[in-house]
C-alpha atoms as a PDB file:
ATOM      1  CA  MET A   1       2.936  -6.968  18.503  1.00  0.00           C
ATOM      2  CA  PRO A   2       0.272  -9.243  17.043  1.00  0.00           C
ATOM      3  CA  ILE A   3      -2.631  -8.048  14.963  1.00  0.00           C
ATOM      4  CA  THR A   4      -5.620  -7.640  17.266  1.00  0.00           C
ATOM      5  CA  ALA A   5      -8.374  -7.566  14.646  1.00  0.00           C
ATOM      6  CA  ILE A   6      -9.295  -6.978  11.053  1.00  0.00           C
ATOM      7  CA  ASP A   7     -12.491  -4.919  11.022  1.00  0.00           C
ATOM      8  CA  ASP A   8     -15.494  -6.119   9.053  1.00  0.00           C
ATOM      9  CA  THR A   9     -15.145  -2.785   7.264  1.00  0.00           C
ATOM     10  CA  ALA A  10     -11.441  -3.150   6.381  1.00  0.00           C
ATOM     11  CA  ALA A  11     -10.054  -2.564   2.895  1.00  0.00           C
ATOM     12  CA  LEU A  12      -6.812  -3.853   1.410  1.00  0.00           C
ATOM     13  CA  VAL A  13      -4.723  -1.137  -0.227  1.00  0.00           C
ATOM     14  CA  ILE A  14      -1.994  -2.184  -2.674  1.00  0.00           C
ATOM     15  CA  LEU A  15       0.467   0.624  -3.357  1.00  0.00           C
ATOM     16  CA  ASP A  16       2.537   1.080  -6.518  1.00  0.00           C
ATOM     17  CA  LEU A  17       3.092  -2.585  -7.439  1.00  0.00           C
ATOM     18  CA  GLN A  18       3.499  -1.724 -11.082  1.00  0.00           C
ATOM     19  CA  ALA A  19       5.971  -1.936 -13.942  1.00  0.00           C
ATOM     20  CA  ALA A  20       8.022   1.090 -12.830  1.00  0.00           C
ATOM     21  CA  ALA A  21       8.831  -0.667  -9.545  1.00  0.00           C
ATOM     22  CA  ALA A  22       9.402  -4.166 -10.918  1.00  0.00           C
ATOM     23  CA  ALA A  23      13.058  -3.706 -11.857  1.00  0.00           C
ATOM     24  CA  ALA A  24      13.939  -1.294  -9.061  1.00  0.00           C
ATOM     25  CA  PRO A  25      16.770  -2.387  -6.742  1.00  0.00           C
ATOM     26  CA  THR A  26      14.745  -3.182  -3.627  1.00  0.00           C
ATOM     27  CA  ILE A  27      15.437  -5.249  -0.512  1.00  0.00           C
ATOM     28  CA  GLU A  28      13.248  -7.969  -1.925  1.00  0.00           C
ATOM     29  CA  PRO A  29      12.273  -8.185  -5.607  1.00  0.00           C
ATOM     30  CA  VAL A  30       9.000  -6.368  -6.194  1.00  0.00           C
ATOM     31  CA  PRO A  31       7.458  -9.215  -8.276  1.00  0.00           C
ATOM     32  CA  ALA A  32       7.963 -11.615  -5.325  1.00  0.00           C
ATOM     33  CA  VAL A  33       6.261  -9.151  -2.994  1.00  0.00           C
ATOM     34  CA  ALA A  34       3.414  -8.747  -5.505  1.00  0.00           C
ATOM     35  CA  ALA A  35       2.908 -12.518  -5.648  1.00  0.00           C
ATOM     36  CA  ARG A  36       2.502 -12.657  -1.848  1.00  0.00           C
ATOM     37  CA  VAL A  37       0.204  -9.632  -1.863  1.00  0.00           C
ATOM     38  CA  ALA A  38      -1.967 -11.436  -4.441  1.00  0.00           C
ATOM     39  CA  GLU A  39      -2.637 -14.155  -1.856  1.00  0.00           C
ATOM     40  CA  LEU A  40      -3.879 -11.507   0.573  1.00  0.00           C
ATOM     41  CA  ALA A  41      -5.978  -9.885  -2.151  1.00  0.00           C
ATOM     42  CA  ASP A  42      -7.558 -13.261  -2.918  1.00  0.00           C
ATOM     43  CA  ALA A  43      -8.453 -13.641   0.780  1.00  0.00           C
ATOM     44  CA  PHE A  44     -10.080 -10.186   0.829  1.00  0.00           C
ATOM     45  CA  ARG A  45     -11.996 -10.893  -2.389  1.00  0.00           C
ATOM     46  CA  ALA A  46     -13.195 -14.260  -1.059  1.00  0.00           C
ATOM     47  CA  GLN A  47     -14.907 -12.362   1.764  1.00  0.00           C
ATOM     48  CA  SER A  48     -16.215  -9.617  -0.544  1.00  0.00           C
ATOM     49  CA  ARG A  49     -13.980  -7.060   1.145  1.00  0.00           C
ATOM     50  CA  PRO A  50     -12.636  -4.128  -0.878  1.00  0.00           C
ATOM     51  CA  VAL A  51      -9.306  -4.404  -2.676  1.00  0.00           C
ATOM     52  CA  ILE A  52      -7.973  -1.009  -3.722  1.00  0.00           C
ATOM     53  CA  ILE A  53      -5.061  -0.899  -6.128  1.00  0.00           C
ATOM     54  CA  VAL A  54      -3.153   2.372  -6.269  1.00  0.00           C
ATOM     55  CA  ARG A  55      -1.024   3.248  -9.295  1.00  0.00           C
ATOM     56  CA  VAL A  56       1.406   6.119  -9.278  1.00  0.00           C
ATOM     57  CA  THR A  57       1.365   8.021 -12.558  1.00  0.00           C
ATOM     58  CA  GLY A  58       3.726  10.869 -11.746  1.00  0.00           C
ATOM     59  CA  THR A  59       5.384  12.955  -9.079  1.00  0.00           C
ATOM     60  CA  ALA A  60       4.250  15.811  -6.895  1.00  0.00           C
ATOM     61  CA  PRO A  61       5.148  19.291  -8.116  1.00  0.00           C
ATOM     62  CA  GLY A  62       7.226  20.449  -5.137  1.00  0.00           C
ATOM     63  CA  ARG A  63      10.981  21.093  -5.094  1.00  0.00           C
ATOM     64  CA  THR A  64      13.245  18.966  -2.871  1.00  0.00           C
ATOM     65  CA  ASP A  65      16.833  18.985  -1.644  1.00  0.00           C
ATOM     66  CA  ALA A  66      17.232  15.559  -3.261  1.00  0.00           C
ATOM     67  CA  GLY A  67      16.638  17.160  -6.646  1.00  0.00           C
ATOM     68  CA  ASP A  68      14.038  14.577  -7.614  1.00  0.00           C
ATOM     69  CA  PRO A  69      12.131  15.548 -10.744  1.00  0.00           C
ATOM     70  CA  ALA A  70       8.992  17.481  -9.802  1.00  0.00           C
ATOM     71  CA  GLY A  71       5.648  17.262 -11.517  1.00  0.00           C
ATOM     72  CA  ILE A  72       6.557  14.631 -14.097  1.00  0.00           C
ATOM     73  CA  THR A  73       4.172  12.140 -15.674  1.00  0.00           C
ATOM     74  CA  LEU A  74       5.333   8.542 -15.997  1.00  0.00           C
ATOM     75  CA  PRO A  75       5.109   6.832 -19.384  1.00  0.00           C
ATOM     76  CA  GLU A  76       2.034   4.602 -19.651  1.00  0.00           C
ATOM     77  CA  GLU A  77       4.129   1.414 -19.770  1.00  0.00           C
ATOM     78  CA  TYR A  78       5.559   2.235 -16.307  1.00  0.00           C
ATOM     79  CA  THR A  79       2.091   2.439 -14.757  1.00  0.00           C
ATOM     80  CA  GLN A  80       0.939  -1.035 -15.767  1.00  0.00           C
ATOM     81  CA  LEU A  81       0.021  -3.267 -12.827  1.00  0.00           C
ATOM     82  CA  LEU A  82       2.213  -6.291 -12.259  1.00  0.00           C
ATOM     83  CA  PRO A  83       0.644  -9.524 -13.526  1.00  0.00           C
ATOM     84  CA  GLU A  84       1.658 -11.223 -10.252  1.00  0.00           C
ATOM     85  CA  LEU A  85      -1.113  -9.228  -8.532  1.00  0.00           C
ATOM     86  CA  ARG A  86      -3.822 -11.066 -10.452  1.00  0.00           C
ATOM     87  CA  ALA A  87      -5.919  -7.875 -10.439  1.00  0.00           C
ATOM     88  CA  ASP A  88      -9.636  -8.577 -10.589  1.00  0.00           C
ATOM     89  CA  GLU A  89     -12.451  -6.612 -12.208  1.00  0.00           C
ATOM     90  CA  SER A  90     -13.965  -6.186  -8.724  1.00  0.00           C
ATOM     91  CA  ASP A  91     -10.888  -4.261  -7.532  1.00  0.00           C
ATOM     92  CA  HIS A  92     -11.084  -0.495  -7.268  1.00  0.00           C
ATOM     93  CA  THR A  93      -8.119   1.222  -8.951  1.00  0.00           C
ATOM     94  CA  ILE A  94      -7.062   4.788  -8.275  1.00  0.00           C
ATOM     95  CA  THR A  95      -4.162   6.826  -9.562  1.00  0.00           C
ATOM     96  CA  LYS A  96      -1.945   9.233  -7.665  1.00  0.00           C
ATOM     97  CA  SER A  97       0.907  11.578  -8.376  1.00  0.00           C
ATOM     98  CA  SER A  98       2.413  11.840  -4.917  1.00  0.00           C
ATOM     99  CA  TRP A  99       3.826   9.485  -2.304  1.00  0.00           C
ATOM    100  CA  GLY A 100       0.638   8.866  -0.327  1.00  0.00           C
ATOM    101  CA  ALA A 101      -2.647   7.474  -1.553  1.00  0.00           C
ATOM    102  CA  LEU A 102      -4.843   9.721   0.594  1.00  0.00           C
ATOM    103  CA  GLY A 103      -3.527  13.106  -0.505  1.00  0.00           C
ATOM    104  CA  ARG A 104      -4.599  14.627  -3.808  1.00  0.00           C
ATOM    105  CA  THR A 105      -6.859  11.636  -4.672  1.00  0.00           C
ATOM    106  CA  SER A 106     -10.518  10.749  -4.093  1.00  0.00           C
ATOM    107  CA  LEU A 107      -9.590   7.761  -1.930  1.00  0.00           C
ATOM    108  CA  LEU A 108     -10.451   9.282   1.452  1.00  0.00           C
ATOM    109  CA  ASP A 109     -13.917  10.282   0.212  1.00  0.00           C
ATOM    110  CA  ASP A 110     -14.382   6.788  -1.246  1.00  0.00           C
ATOM    111  CA  LEU A 111     -13.410   5.194   2.079  1.00  0.00           C
ATOM    112  CA  GLU A 112     -15.806   7.402   4.028  1.00  0.00           C
ATOM    113  CA  THR A 113     -18.644   6.668   1.585  1.00  0.00           C
ATOM    114  CA  ARG A 114     -18.049   2.924   1.978  1.00  0.00           C
ATOM    115  CA  GLY A 115     -17.780   3.141   5.768  1.00  0.00           C
ATOM    116  CA  ILE A 116     -14.215   1.797   5.771  1.00  0.00           C
ATOM    117  CA  THR A 117     -12.655   1.910   9.256  1.00  0.00           C
ATOM    118  CA  GLN A 118      -9.375   0.106   8.628  1.00  0.00           C
ATOM    119  CA  LEU A 119      -6.725  -0.056   5.915  1.00  0.00           C
ATOM    120  CA  VAL A 120      -4.432  -3.028   5.421  1.00  0.00           C
ATOM    121  CA  LEU A 121      -1.425  -1.658   3.561  1.00  0.00           C
ATOM    122  CA  THR A 122       0.967  -3.387   1.177  1.00  0.00           C
ATOM    123  CA  GLY A 123       3.301  -2.250  -1.583  1.00  0.00           C
ATOM    124  CA  VAL A 124       6.388  -0.291  -2.393  1.00  0.00           C
ATOM    125  CA  SER A 125       8.121   1.583  -1.050  1.00  0.00           C
ATOM    126  CA  THR A 126       7.965   1.137   2.698  1.00  0.00           C
ATOM    127  CA  SER A 127       9.487   4.523   3.534  1.00  0.00           C
ATOM    128  CA  GLN A 128       7.532   6.502   0.970  1.00  0.00           C
ATOM    129  CA  ALA A 129       4.141   5.312  -0.319  1.00  0.00           C
ATOM    130  CA  VAL A 130       3.383   2.914   2.529  1.00  0.00           C
ATOM    131  CA  GLU A 131       4.560   5.184   5.339  1.00  0.00           C
ATOM    132  CA  SER A 132       2.921   8.288   3.856  1.00  0.00           C
ATOM    133  CA  THR A 133      -0.404   6.494   3.401  1.00  0.00           C
ATOM    134  CA  ALA A 134      -0.209   4.936   6.877  1.00  0.00           C
ATOM    135  CA  ARG A 135       0.462   8.302   8.524  1.00  0.00           C
ATOM    136  CA  ALA A 136      -2.428   9.979   6.699  1.00  0.00           C
ATOM    137  CA  ALA A 137      -4.815   7.101   7.443  1.00  0.00           C
ATOM    138  CA  TYR A 138      -3.898   7.206  11.126  1.00  0.00           C
ATOM    139  CA  ASP A 139      -4.319  11.005  11.176  1.00  0.00           C
ATOM    140  CA  HIS A 140      -7.822  10.549   9.709  1.00  0.00           C
ATOM    141  CA  GLY A 141      -8.794   8.131  12.476  1.00  0.00           C
ATOM    142  CA  LEU A 142      -8.546   4.875  10.542  1.00  0.00           C
ATOM    143  CA  HIS A 143      -7.115   1.693  12.000  1.00  0.00           C
ATOM    144  CA  VAL A 144      -3.979   0.785  10.056  1.00  0.00           C
ATOM    145  CA  THR A 145      -2.428  -2.639   9.588  1.00  0.00           C
ATOM    146  CA  ILE A 146       0.818  -3.175   7.701  1.00  0.00           C
ATOM    147  CA  ALA A 147       1.628  -6.501   6.020  1.00  0.00           C
ATOM    148  CA  ALA A 148       5.336  -6.629   6.911  1.00  0.00           C
ATOM    149  CA  ASP A 149       6.105  -9.234   4.242  1.00  0.00           C
ATOM    150  CA  GLY A 150       3.968  -7.376   1.699  1.00  0.00           C
ATOM    151  CA  ILE A 151       6.212  -4.304   1.566  1.00  0.00           C
ATOM    152  CA  THR A 152       9.729  -3.539   0.381  1.00  0.00           C
ATOM    153  CA  ASP A 153      12.020  -0.563  -0.116  1.00  0.00           C
ATOM    154  CA  PRO A 154      15.213   0.326  -1.973  1.00  0.00           C
ATOM    155  CA  ASP A 155      16.812   1.392   1.320  1.00  0.00           C
ATOM    156  CA  GLN A 156      17.274  -1.222   4.066  1.00  0.00           C
ATOM    157  CA  ALA A 157      17.802   1.386   6.812  1.00  0.00           C
ATOM    158  CA  ALA A 158      14.667   3.338   5.837  1.00  0.00           C
ATOM    159  CA  HIS A 159      12.629   0.113   5.665  1.00  0.00           C
ATOM    160  CA  ASP A 160      13.872  -1.018   9.080  1.00  0.00           C
ATOM    161  CA  HIS A 161      13.256   2.409  10.620  1.00  0.00           C
ATOM    162  CA  ALA A 162       9.653   2.421   9.413  1.00  0.00           C
ATOM    163  CA  LEU A 163       9.036  -1.103  10.729  1.00  0.00           C
ATOM    164  CA  THR A 164      10.679  -0.618  14.110  1.00  0.00           C
ATOM    165  CA  HIS A 165      10.053   3.044  14.919  1.00  0.00           C
ATOM    166  CA  THR A 166       7.249   4.560  12.850  1.00  0.00           C
ATOM    167  CA  PHE A 167       4.714   1.795  12.248  1.00  0.00           C
ATOM    168  CA  PRO A 168       4.427   0.638  15.886  1.00  0.00           C
ATOM    169  CA  ARG A 169       3.205   4.155  16.776  1.00  0.00           C
ATOM    170  CA  ILE A 170       0.534   4.381  14.055  1.00  0.00           C
ATOM    171  CA  ALA A 171      -0.325   0.818  13.058  1.00  0.00           C
ATOM    172  CA  GLU A 172      -0.322  -2.852  13.849  1.00  0.00           C
ATOM    173  CA  THR A 173       2.063  -5.008  11.837  1.00  0.00           C
ATOM    174  CA  GLY A 174       2.059  -8.678  10.992  1.00  0.00           C
ATOM    175  CA  THR A 175       2.641 -11.101   8.194  1.00  0.00           C
ATOM    176  CA  ILE A 176       0.255 -11.802   5.359  1.00  0.00           C
ATOM    177  CA  ALA A 177      -0.455 -15.155   7.030  1.00  0.00           C
ATOM    178  CA  ASP A 178      -1.308 -13.326  10.293  1.00  0.00           C
ATOM    179  CA  ILE A 179      -3.712 -11.044   8.423  1.00  0.00           C
ATOM    180  CA  ILE A 180      -5.375 -13.926   6.585  1.00  0.00           C
ATOM    181  CA  THR A 181      -5.826 -15.727   9.918  1.00  0.00           C
ATOM    182  CA  ALA A 182      -7.335 -12.567  11.456  1.00  0.00           C
ATOM    183  CA  LEU A 183      -9.722 -12.290   8.490  1.00  0.00           C
ATOM    184  CA  GLY A 184     -11.118 -15.682   9.407  1.00  0.00           C
ATOM    185  CA  ALA A 185     -11.495 -14.876  13.115  1.00  0.00           C
END
């Protein structure tokens, strides 16, 4: 379904496009995704709209069946933003230690203070950081837009499931070009 609108009070959220993800085996190489996301970030900045860059610095403390390490802190070199993003001093950067950007961070309070009504989400991985953030944003009453060519995942089936089953129920999806066009409307 096409994107209906980008609110005047929309913010771009870039999730986990950092050194730790750059070499990960994903559907599409993370640096290529970051380069496309940079174009969208430039469009947001050109209209003085917020660009929020989220870095993951560790993992949540809970136990899982998958046996993933709980409560670890990533080495500093893994948390460095990818140069392809062309991060700007006007960008707002937050850190998280869980999948989603709205839990256990100050981001939700920041969004409410700024009067943000819509999040445009990009980043890695589709089935974890992007989906978790999208679900929380939707639950908090925000409009959610997903840049389908601004996300990737290590698991093709999980990526496809999010795009075809989850996102249509909680968000609008479109390409970066679609979003840039909607910004100008």
